[in-house]
Amino acid sequence: MREKIAVRRVVLSLFLILIVAIVFDVTTTFRREFHERGTVPEELLTRGELLTEAMRLAGNPNVDGIQPDEVHLSCDRDSCVATITDHDLRDDSARAEQTRVVFLRSREGWAIEWAGDRWKCWSGRGNPFLVFDWQKSFCS
């Protein structure tokens, strides 16, 4: 009986390690797909300010007064991820831009943990293999 319990604990431990590894891979994979911003504000935010700060980092409000096409905020207990997407940009090189901001919660409030951008370029203005896909390098 004790051997069965020990085996179950080992299996459960391995399963939990696998889940943590999958979650870690999912949360770090997008970082390889975005151009990381070098400097982000370090002030603490309230949960209600997260989307406003993400919108500001994405360049909104902008001089044209154009609102982003898609705005998403996904949260769990200790983190939030904001994604702001602008399609059909008024730009001769980039046709779409996406900004992603990761917030982490502490006792004092929420802080930006990471922020980055990626683009979809017009044909001939970016990586020729990524004409219809996102790329982390600027469009030329």
Protein backbone atom coordinates (compact mmCIF):
# COMPACT_ATOMS: atom_id res chain seq x y z
CA MET A 1 0.00 0.00 0.00
CA ARG A 2 2.80 2.43 0.90
CA GLU A 3 4.52 1.67 -2.38
CA LYS A 4 1.37 2.59 -4.30
CA ILE A 5 1.12 5.89 -2.41
CA ALA A 6 4.80 6.63 -3.10
CA VAL A 7 4.34 5.85 -6.80
CA ARG A 8 1.25 8.09 -6.95
CA ARG A 9 3.20 10.94 -5.31
CA VAL A 10 6.03 10.56 -7.82
CA VAL A 11 3.59 10.49 -10.74
CA LEU A 12 1.74 13.53 -9.37
CA SER A 13 5.04 15.39 -8.86
CA LEU A 14 6.14 14.63 -12.43
CA PHE A 15 2.75 15.73 -13.72
CA LEU A 16 3.00 19.04 -11.84
CA ILE A 17 6.53 19.61 -13.17
CA LEU A 18 5.25 18.98 -16.70
CA ILE A 19 2.38 21.46 -16.22
CA VAL A 20 4.77 24.13 -14.90
CA ALA A 21 7.11 23.55 -17.85
CA ILE A 22 4.23 23.87 -20.34
CA VAL A 23 2.94 27.07 -18.72
CA PHE A 24 6.47 28.53 -18.63
CA ASP A 25 6.98 27.70 -22.31
CA VAL A 26 3.64 29.24 -23.30
CA THR A 27 4.34 32.44 -21.36
CA THR A 28 7.88 32.82 -22.72
CA THR A 29 7.25 31.79 -26.34
CA PHE A 30 5.57 35.07 -27.26
CA ARG A 31 8.64 36.96 -26.05
CA ARG A 32 10.61 35.43 -28.92
CA GLU A 33 7.94 36.71 -31.32
CA PHE A 34 7.98 40.36 -30.16
CA HIS A 35 10.54 43.17 -30.30
CA GLU A 36 11.21 43.87 -26.63
CA ARG A 37 10.94 47.44 -25.46
CA GLY A 38 14.05 48.63 -23.68
CA THR A 39 12.48 50.95 -21.13
CA VAL A 40 9.13 50.66 -19.43
CA PRO A 41 7.73 52.73 -16.55
CA GLU A 42 8.44 51.32 -13.10
CA GLU A 43 5.62 52.94 -11.11
CA LEU A 44 3.05 50.68 -9.48
CA LEU A 45 -0.45 50.59 -10.90
CA THR A 46 -3.89 49.59 -9.71
CA ARG A 47 -5.72 46.87 -11.61
CA GLY A 48 -8.01 49.52 -13.10
CA GLU A 49 -5.01 51.32 -14.61
CA LEU A 50 -3.52 48.31 -16.43
CA LEU A 51 -5.43 48.66 -19.68
CA THR A 52 -4.90 52.44 -19.75
CA GLU A 53 -1.14 51.97 -19.30
CA ALA A 54 -1.01 49.27 -21.99
CA MET A 55 -2.92 51.55 -24.37
CA ARG A 56 -0.47 54.38 -23.62
CA LEU A 57 2.51 52.11 -24.35
CA ALA A 58 0.86 51.15 -27.65
CA GLY A 59 0.70 54.82 -28.63
CA ASN A 60 -2.90 55.60 -27.80
CA PRO A 61 -4.41 58.10 -27.91
CA ASN A 62 -2.63 58.91 -31.17
CA VAL A 63 -2.49 62.11 -33.23
CA ASP A 64 -4.92 60.67 -35.80
CA GLY A 65 -7.50 59.87 -33.13
CA ILE A 66 -7.75 56.29 -34.40
CA GLN A 67 -8.66 53.66 -31.81
CA PRO A 68 -7.04 50.19 -31.90
CA ASP A 69 -8.99 47.44 -33.61
CA GLU A 70 -8.52 44.88 -30.83
CA VAL A 71 -7.89 45.34 -27.12
CA HIS A 72 -7.61 42.33 -24.82
CA LEU A 73 -6.76 42.05 -21.13
CA SER A 74 -6.41 38.54 -19.76
CA CYS A 75 -5.73 38.10 -16.04
CA ASP A 76 -5.20 35.41 -13.49
CA ARG A 77 -4.50 35.87 -9.80
CA ASP A 78 -0.96 37.25 -10.06
CA SER A 79 -0.50 38.39 -13.66
CA CYS A 80 -2.26 40.13 -16.53
CA VAL A 81 -1.42 40.25 -20.23
CA ALA A 82 -2.70 43.12 -22.38
CA THR A 83 -2.65 42.86 -26.17
CA ILE A 84 -3.44 45.89 -28.35
CA THR A 85 -3.69 45.37 -32.11
CA ASP A 86 -3.98 48.02 -34.84
CA HIS A 87 -4.86 46.72 -38.33
CA ASP A 88 -4.80 48.77 -41.54
CA LEU A 89 -2.26 51.31 -40.32
CA ARG A 90 -1.82 54.52 -42.28
CA ASP A 91 1.77 53.59 -43.01
CA ASP A 92 3.60 52.72 -46.22
CA SER A 93 5.67 49.94 -44.63
CA ALA A 94 3.65 48.42 -41.75
CA ARG A 95 0.08 47.31 -42.26
CA ALA A 96 -0.53 46.19 -38.66
CA GLU A 97 1.09 46.55 -35.24
CA GLN A 98 0.58 44.61 -32.04
CA THR A 99 1.76 45.56 -28.56
CA ARG A 100 1.84 43.09 -25.68
CA VAL A 101 2.34 44.12 -22.05
CA VAL A 102 2.77 41.69 -19.14
CA PHE A 103 1.89 42.92 -15.65
CA LEU A 104 2.77 41.17 -12.39
CA ARG A 105 1.03 41.73 -9.08
CA SER A 106 2.84 42.42 -5.84
CA ARG A 107 1.59 43.42 -2.41
CA GLU A 108 1.93 47.09 -3.29
CA GLY A 109 0.23 46.97 -6.71
CA TRP A 110 0.77 45.96 -10.33
CA ALA A 111 3.99 46.57 -12.26
CA ILE A 112 5.02 46.09 -15.88
CA GLU A 113 7.17 42.98 -16.12
CA TRP A 114 7.69 43.04 -19.90
CA ALA A 115 6.49 44.90 -22.99
CA GLY A 116 7.08 44.34 -26.69
CA ASP A 117 5.82 45.01 -30.21
CA ARG A 118 5.54 43.14 -33.49
CA TRP A 119 4.40 44.10 -36.98
CA LYS A 120 2.84 42.85 -40.21
CA CYS A 121 4.56 44.49 -43.16
CA TRP A 122 3.30 45.31 -46.62
CA SER A 123 4.70 43.08 -49.35
CA GLY A 124 8.32 43.97 -50.08
CA ARG A 125 8.68 45.92 -46.81
CA GLY A 126 9.76 43.20 -44.41
CA ASN A 127 10.90 39.61 -44.20
CA PRO A 128 9.79 38.04 -47.51
CA PHE A 129 8.95 34.78 -45.74
CA LEU A 130 6.60 36.54 -43.28
CA VAL A 131 4.48 38.63 -45.68
CA PHE A 132 1.20 37.51 -44.11
CA ASP A 133 2.53 36.82 -40.61
CA TRP A 134 3.79 38.80 -37.64
CA GLN A 135 7.47 39.64 -37.36
CA LYS A 136 9.45 41.17 -34.53
CA SER A 137 11.70 43.31 -36.74
CA PHE A 138 10.62 46.75 -37.96
CA CYS A 139 9.20 47.03 -41.45
CA SER A 140 11.47 48.85 -43.94
